[in-house]
Amino acid sequence: MIARAAAALLAIAAFDCAAEGATFTVKSITPEAAAKATKAALDKCRGEGFQVSVAVVDRSGVTVSLLRDRYASPGSVEIAQRKAQTSVNFKMDTAALDRELQPGRPTAGIRTQPNVTAIAGGAIIESGGALVGAIGVSGAPGPMNDDLCAHAGLKAIAEDLEF
């Protein structure tokens, strides 16, 4: 009796999995949109007198577009990429993550994990309610200026994204 019930449940579960299929579709930022956001963020920082690096990653954290201004610190390249990757991994802007990971908070230990860059300047990119990528900026004087430039990059592609 129990064996029959277990077999019936297994058959139902197998049918449900087969009905869903073996693949799924995801949205990801296009190289064109990534390049547009990167350039807009760089232009915003230049307009403010800042030399920065800007990176846009896809939903998997892989770099799609990267620009380093001529006098930006060489180290800003990696930090911009890590800010973008951190935003994708945590599905939130790095300024908000920075606030969540302050000393004394229950989650503060996450800050010390490899490849976590919880400093303002990383922002998620969403389209149609789906995470499609993130942008990261590094090199401006102070993380809030990095954040300002990152959001200028988002604004530049806002009309291209579905809401």
Protein backbone atom coordinates (compact mmCIF):
# COMPACT_ATOMS: atom_id res chain seq x y z
CA MET A 1 0.00 0.00 0.00
CA ILE A 2 2.74 2.45 0.98
CA ALA A 3 4.84 1.38 -1.99
CA ARG A 4 1.92 2.06 -4.36
CA ALA A 5 1.35 5.53 -2.90
CA ALA A 6 5.05 6.34 -3.15
CA ALA A 7 5.11 5.17 -6.78
CA ALA A 8 2.07 7.35 -7.57
CA LEU A 9 3.68 10.42 -5.99
CA LEU A 10 6.90 9.76 -7.89
CA ALA A 11 4.98 9.53 -11.17
CA ILE A 12 3.19 12.82 -10.46
CA ALA A 13 6.48 14.53 -9.60
CA ALA A 14 8.11 13.20 -12.79
CA PHE A 15 5.17 14.47 -14.85
CA ASP A 16 5.43 17.94 -13.28
CA CYS A 17 9.14 18.13 -14.08
CA ALA A 18 8.59 16.98 -17.66
CA ALA A 19 5.85 19.56 -18.14
CA GLU A 20 8.26 22.36 -17.16
CA GLY A 21 10.87 21.24 -19.68
CA ALA A 22 14.58 20.96 -19.38
CA THR A 23 15.45 24.58 -20.18
CA PHE A 24 14.40 28.08 -19.16
CA THR A 25 14.67 31.55 -20.62
CA VAL A 26 16.36 34.48 -18.92
CA LYS A 27 16.83 38.14 -19.75
CA SER A 28 20.27 39.70 -19.78
CA ILE A 29 21.58 43.14 -20.66
CA THR A 30 22.71 43.57 -24.26
CA PRO A 31 26.23 44.70 -25.11
CA GLU A 32 24.74 47.82 -26.70
CA ALA A 33 22.82 48.82 -23.56
CA ALA A 34 25.84 47.99 -21.40
CA ALA A 35 28.09 50.20 -23.55
CA LYS A 36 25.56 53.06 -23.41
CA ALA A 37 25.34 52.87 -19.61
CA THR A 38 29.12 52.63 -19.24
CA LYS A 39 29.71 55.68 -21.44
CA ALA A 40 27.01 57.74 -19.68
CA ALA A 41 28.47 56.96 -16.24
CA LEU A 42 31.98 57.86 -17.44
CA ASP A 43 30.69 61.11 -18.98
CA LYS A 44 28.92 62.05 -15.75
CA CYS A 45 32.08 61.53 -13.73
CA ARG A 46 34.16 63.47 -16.28
CA GLY A 47 31.67 66.31 -16.03
CA GLU A 48 32.22 66.36 -12.28
CA GLY A 49 36.00 66.31 -12.78
CA PHE A 50 36.46 62.66 -11.73
CA GLN A 51 38.63 60.06 -13.47
CA VAL A 52 37.00 56.64 -13.00
CA SER A 53 36.55 53.14 -14.29
CA VAL A 54 33.07 51.85 -15.11
CA ALA A 55 32.01 48.23 -15.57
CA VAL A 56 28.70 46.67 -16.54
CA VAL A 57 28.19 42.97 -15.89
CA ASP A 58 25.41 40.67 -17.02
CA ARG A 59 23.08 38.81 -14.66
CA SER A 60 25.79 36.17 -14.10
CA GLY A 61 28.41 38.72 -13.12
CA VAL A 62 30.39 38.47 -16.36
CA THR A 63 31.78 41.80 -17.61
CA VAL A 64 29.99 43.01 -20.75
CA SER A 65 31.38 46.56 -20.96
CA LEU A 66 34.35 48.25 -19.30
CA LEU A 67 35.86 51.73 -19.65
CA ARG A 68 38.79 53.26 -17.75
CA ASP A 69 39.39 56.97 -18.10
CA ARG A 70 42.96 57.94 -18.95
CA TYR A 71 44.01 59.01 -15.45
CA ALA A 72 41.86 56.63 -13.44
CA SER A 73 43.75 54.46 -11.00
CA PRO A 74 44.63 51.04 -12.43
CA GLY A 75 43.10 49.49 -9.29
CA SER A 76 39.76 51.14 -10.05
CA VAL A 77 39.18 48.68 -12.91
CA GLU A 78 38.94 45.66 -10.63
CA ILE A 79 36.98 47.54 -7.97
CA ALA A 80 34.39 48.73 -10.53
CA GLN A 81 33.94 45.15 -11.74
CA ARG A 82 33.64 43.85 -8.17
CA LYS A 83 31.07 46.48 -7.24
CA ALA A 84 28.96 45.44 -10.23
CA GLN A 85 29.42 41.74 -9.44
CA THR A 86 28.53 42.32 -5.79
CA SER A 87 25.33 44.11 -6.82
CA VAL A 88 24.33 41.15 -9.02
CA ASN A 89 25.23 38.57 -6.39
CA PHE A 90 23.24 40.28 -3.64
CA LYS A 91 20.56 41.70 -5.96
CA MET A 92 20.92 45.14 -4.43
CA ASP A 93 22.88 48.36 -4.78
CA THR A 94 26.20 48.29 -2.96
CA ALA A 95 25.34 51.47 -1.00
CA ALA A 96 22.42 49.60 0.59
CA LEU A 97 24.57 46.52 1.12
CA ASP A 98 27.21 48.68 2.82
CA ARG A 99 24.58 49.84 5.33
CA GLU A 100 23.47 46.24 5.99
CA LEU A 101 27.02 45.02 6.63
CA GLN A 102 28.16 47.63 9.14
CA PRO A 103 29.96 46.40 12.28
CA GLY A 104 27.53 45.20 14.92
CA ARG A 105 24.92 44.07 12.38
CA PRO A 106 24.16 40.32 12.26
CA THR A 107 25.36 40.13 8.65
CA ALA A 108 28.58 42.14 9.14
CA GLY A 109 30.80 39.09 8.62
CA ILE A 110 29.77 38.84 4.96
CA ARG A 111 31.84 41.97 4.27
CA THR A 112 35.05 39.96 4.77
CA GLN A 113 34.17 37.26 2.24
CA PRO A 114 36.18 37.09 -0.99
CA ASN A 115 34.81 39.12 -3.91
CA VAL A 116 32.37 41.12 -1.78
CA THR A 117 32.82 44.85 -2.35
CA ALA A 118 30.23 46.54 -0.18
CA ILE A 119 31.09 50.13 -1.04
CA ALA A 120 28.68 52.56 -2.76
CA GLY A 121 29.06 52.69 -6.54
CA GLY A 122 27.41 49.45 -7.63
CA ALA A 123 23.79 49.36 -8.83
CA ILE A 124 21.54 46.66 -10.19
CA ILE A 125 19.97 46.91 -13.65
CA GLU A 126 16.42 45.54 -13.92
CA SER A 127 14.14 45.13 -16.90
CA GLY A 128 10.55 43.95 -16.71
CA GLY A 129 11.03 43.02 -13.06
CA ALA A 130 14.02 40.79 -13.84
CA LEU A 131 17.63 41.36 -12.85
CA VAL A 132 19.56 41.74 -16.13
CA GLY A 133 22.89 43.07 -14.90
CA ALA A 134 24.63 45.70 -12.79
CA ILE A 135 26.93 48.68 -13.13
CA GLY A 136 29.94 49.52 -10.99
CA VAL A 137 31.97 52.73 -10.79
CA SER A 138 35.26 53.30 -8.97
CA GLY A 139 37.77 56.11 -8.75
CA ALA A 140 35.75 59.21 -7.85
CA PRO A 141 36.61 60.95 -4.60
CA GLY A 142 34.33 59.08 -2.22
CA PRO A 143 31.97 56.20 -2.83
CA MET A 144 28.88 58.43 -2.99
CA ASN A 145 30.34 60.13 -6.07
CA ASP A 146 30.88 56.70 -7.63
CA ASP A 147 27.23 55.99 -6.85
CA LEU A 148 26.12 59.25 -8.46
CA CYS A 149 27.88 58.32 -11.70
CA ALA A 150 26.55 54.73 -11.64
CA HIS A 151 23.00 56.04 -11.42
CA ALA A 152 23.67 58.39 -14.34
CA GLY A 153 24.53 55.27 -16.33
CA LEU A 154 21.22 53.67 -15.30
CA LYS A 155 19.30 56.80 -16.24
CA ALA A 156 20.83 56.72 -19.73
CA ILE A 157 19.32 53.30 -20.47
CA ALA A 158 16.09 53.62 -18.50
CA GLU A 159 13.97 54.12 -21.63
CA ASP A 160 15.58 51.08 -23.26
CA LEU A 161 14.53 48.79 -20.39
CA GLU A 162 11.09 47.30 -19.80
CA PHE A 163 9.31 48.32 -16.61
